[in-house]
Protein backbone atom coordinates (compact mmCIF):
# COMPACT_ATOMS: atom_id res chain seq x y z
CA MET A 1 82.37 139.64 65.67
CA PRO A 2 82.79 136.60 67.69
CA LYS A 3 85.64 135.56 69.35
CA LYS A 4 88.86 135.19 68.34
CA PRO A 5 90.05 131.90 70.35
CA GLN A 6 93.52 132.39 72.11
CA SER A 7 95.24 129.20 72.02
CA TYR A 8 95.28 125.94 69.70
CA GLU A 9 92.91 124.35 72.23
CA GLU A 10 90.42 126.81 72.10
CA GLU A 11 90.64 127.28 68.28
CA LEU A 12 90.37 123.06 68.45
CA ALA A 13 86.67 123.37 70.77
CA ALA A 14 85.68 125.86 68.56
CA ILE A 15 85.96 123.72 65.38
CA MET A 16 84.44 120.95 67.29
CA ASN A 17 81.63 122.56 68.42
CA ALA A 18 81.17 123.83 65.14
CA LEU A 19 81.29 120.85 63.37
CA ALA A 20 78.10 119.03 66.76
CA GLU A 21 76.47 121.94 65.32
CA SER A 22 76.02 121.04 62.14
CA VAL A 23 75.39 117.84 61.88
CA ALA A 24 72.90 117.97 65.37
CA GLU A 25 70.97 120.60 63.25
CA ALA A 26 71.69 118.08 60.09
CA SER A 27 67.99 116.53 59.22
CA ASP A 28 68.25 112.28 59.16
CA GLY A 29 67.80 112.05 55.35
CA GLU A 30 71.24 114.73 54.81
CA ILE A 31 73.15 112.50 56.79
CA LEU A 32 72.51 109.30 55.37
CA ALA A 33 72.55 111.52 51.50
CA GLU A 34 75.96 112.53 52.47
CA THR A 35 76.67 109.01 54.82
CA GLN A 36 76.02 107.40 50.74
CA GLU A 37 77.82 110.16 48.31
CA GLU A 38 81.28 109.55 50.25
CA GLY A 39 80.41 105.26 49.51
CA ALA A 40 80.01 104.16 53.37
CA ASP A 41 77.29 102.20 54.63
CA PRO A 42 74.69 103.75 57.10
CA ALA A 43 74.49 100.76 59.31
CA GLU A 44 78.68 100.73 59.67
CA ALA A 45 78.79 104.18 59.62
CA ALA A 46 76.29 104.40 63.00
CA GLU A 47 77.91 101.23 65.04
CA HIS A 48 80.87 102.68 64.52
CA VAL A 49 79.52 106.12 65.53
CA ARG A 50 78.40 104.40 68.99
CA ASN A 51 80.58 102.05 69.14
CA VAL A 52 83.18 105.72 69.78
CA LEU A 53 80.12 107.05 71.58
CA LEU A 54 80.28 103.71 74.79
CA ASN A 55 84.43 103.91 74.28
CA ALA A 56 84.35 107.71 75.56
CA ALA A 57 81.43 107.29 78.30
CA LYS A 58 83.71 103.75 79.62
CA THR A 59 86.65 105.51 79.20
CA TYR A 60 85.18 108.48 81.30
CA ARG A 61 83.74 106.29 83.86
CA GLN A 62 86.72 104.12 84.16
CA ARG A 63 88.76 107.23 85.04
CA ARG A 64 88.72 107.43 88.39
CA LEU A 65 89.78 103.77 88.63
CA ARG A 66 92.60 104.60 86.45
CA GLU A 67 93.97 107.38 88.28
CA ALA A 68 93.66 105.10 91.77
CA GLN A 69 95.76 102.05 89.78
CA GLN A 70 98.18 104.94 89.23
CA GLN A 71 98.77 105.90 92.97
CA TYR A 72 98.56 102.58 93.86
CA GLU A 73 101.71 101.72 91.43
CA PHE A 74 103.24 105.06 92.05
CA HIS A 75 103.23 104.31 96.26
CA ILE A 76 104.38 100.37 95.86
CA ALA A 77 107.22 102.17 93.59
CA ALA A 78 108.43 103.93 96.37
CA MET A 79 107.71 101.25 99.36
CA GLN A 80 110.52 99.78 97.18
CA GLU A 81 112.85 101.65 96.20
CA ARG A 82 112.86 103.50 100.34
CA THR A 83 114.91 101.17 103.76
CA TYR A 84 112.51 100.09 106.22
CA ASN A 85 114.01 99.91 110.40
CA LEU A 86 113.43 95.73 110.56
CA PRO A 87 114.89 93.39 112.78
CA ALA A 88 118.07 91.97 110.32
CA THR A 89 117.21 87.87 111.13
CA ALA A 90 113.68 85.59 109.98
CA GLU A 91 113.06 84.81 113.47
CA GLU A 92 113.33 88.56 115.31
CA ARG A 93 111.20 89.66 112.36
CA GLN A 94 108.47 87.05 112.94
CA LYS A 95 109.12 88.21 117.21
CA LEU A 96 108.44 91.51 115.95
CA LEU A 97 104.70 90.81 114.26
CA ASP A 98 104.42 88.47 116.57
CA LEU A 99 104.05 91.53 119.15
CA VAL A 100 101.99 93.74 116.93
CA PHE A 101 99.36 91.09 117.08
CA ALA A 102 99.38 90.51 120.81
CA GLN A 103 99.31 93.98 121.52
CA GLN A 104 97.37 94.90 118.71
CA PRO A 105 94.76 92.07 117.76
CA ALA A 106 92.36 93.63 116.01
CA MET A 107 95.22 94.75 113.59
CA ARG A 108 95.50 90.33 113.84
CA SER A 109 92.17 90.50 112.16
CA ALA A 110 92.50 93.41 110.13
CA LEU A 111 95.52 91.32 107.97
CA LEU A 112 94.15 88.20 108.54
CA THR A 113 90.64 89.33 106.24
CA ALA A 114 92.61 91.19 103.85
CA GLN A 115 95.41 88.55 103.30
CA HIS A 116 92.69 85.73 103.55
CA ARG A 117 95.74 83.63 104.91
CA ASP A 118 96.47 81.59 108.25
CA PHE A 119 99.15 83.39 109.70
CA THR A 120 100.73 80.50 111.26
CA SER A 121 102.37 79.75 107.94
CA LEU A 122 104.20 82.89 106.80
CA THR A 123 106.85 83.31 104.68
CA ASP A 124 109.85 85.43 105.81
CA THR A 125 108.82 87.84 102.63
CA ASP A 126 105.43 87.74 104.05
CA VAL A 127 106.17 88.88 107.29
CA GLU A 128 108.85 91.28 106.03
CA SER A 129 105.66 92.80 103.70
CA CYS A 130 103.22 93.21 106.58
CA LEU A 131 106.34 94.53 109.09
CA LYS A 132 106.85 96.93 105.95
CA GLN A 133 103.45 97.86 105.02
CA LEU A 134 102.74 98.47 109.48
CA GLN A 135 105.51 100.74 109.35
CA GLU A 136 104.79 102.40 106.14
CA LEU A 137 100.95 103.16 108.68
CA GLY A 138 103.64 104.57 111.04
CA LEU A 139 102.10 101.20 113.79
CA LEU A 140 105.83 100.50 114.05
CA ASP A 141 106.05 103.45 115.42
CA GLU A 142 103.54 103.80 118.43
CA LEU A 143 104.94 100.27 118.89
CA SER A 144 108.00 101.71 119.88
CA GLU A 145 107.14 104.35 121.33
CA SER A 146 104.52 102.34 124.05
CA GLU A 147 108.06 99.99 124.51
CA GLU A 148 109.73 103.05 125.05
CA GLU A 149 106.88 104.23 128.26
CA LYS A 150 106.56 101.01 129.59
CA LYS A 151 110.55 100.93 130.76
């Protein structure tokens, strides 16, 4: 006696597996005859099945990309909601960013490569965005700690 499925998902999986087995066991002639009996064009049906399978494979391959996109959107939303302890004026924010670059020259080249732009023409919004990202990474905290150690 076959095992009784314990949930809706298991019942559905059992039905789908039985359908798949019946199709796999059918001969090409039986499948062709059944398709023609239903009034469908076998070439169109084959193309439809091929497209369904290709789309399923593509969806499966892109699952990590979709997960990464969701994580990115989550982190961006969290950054927009968070409050940051940044200088009040644009001039002070620019000085802070310059200080970060002076103390960590590698950071300048990393951000320059990432942004593909010259840091001499940054808008205040760009500066503020960079500072927020640096604070998210904890680099501004490290900077303030090293400044306090110097005193």
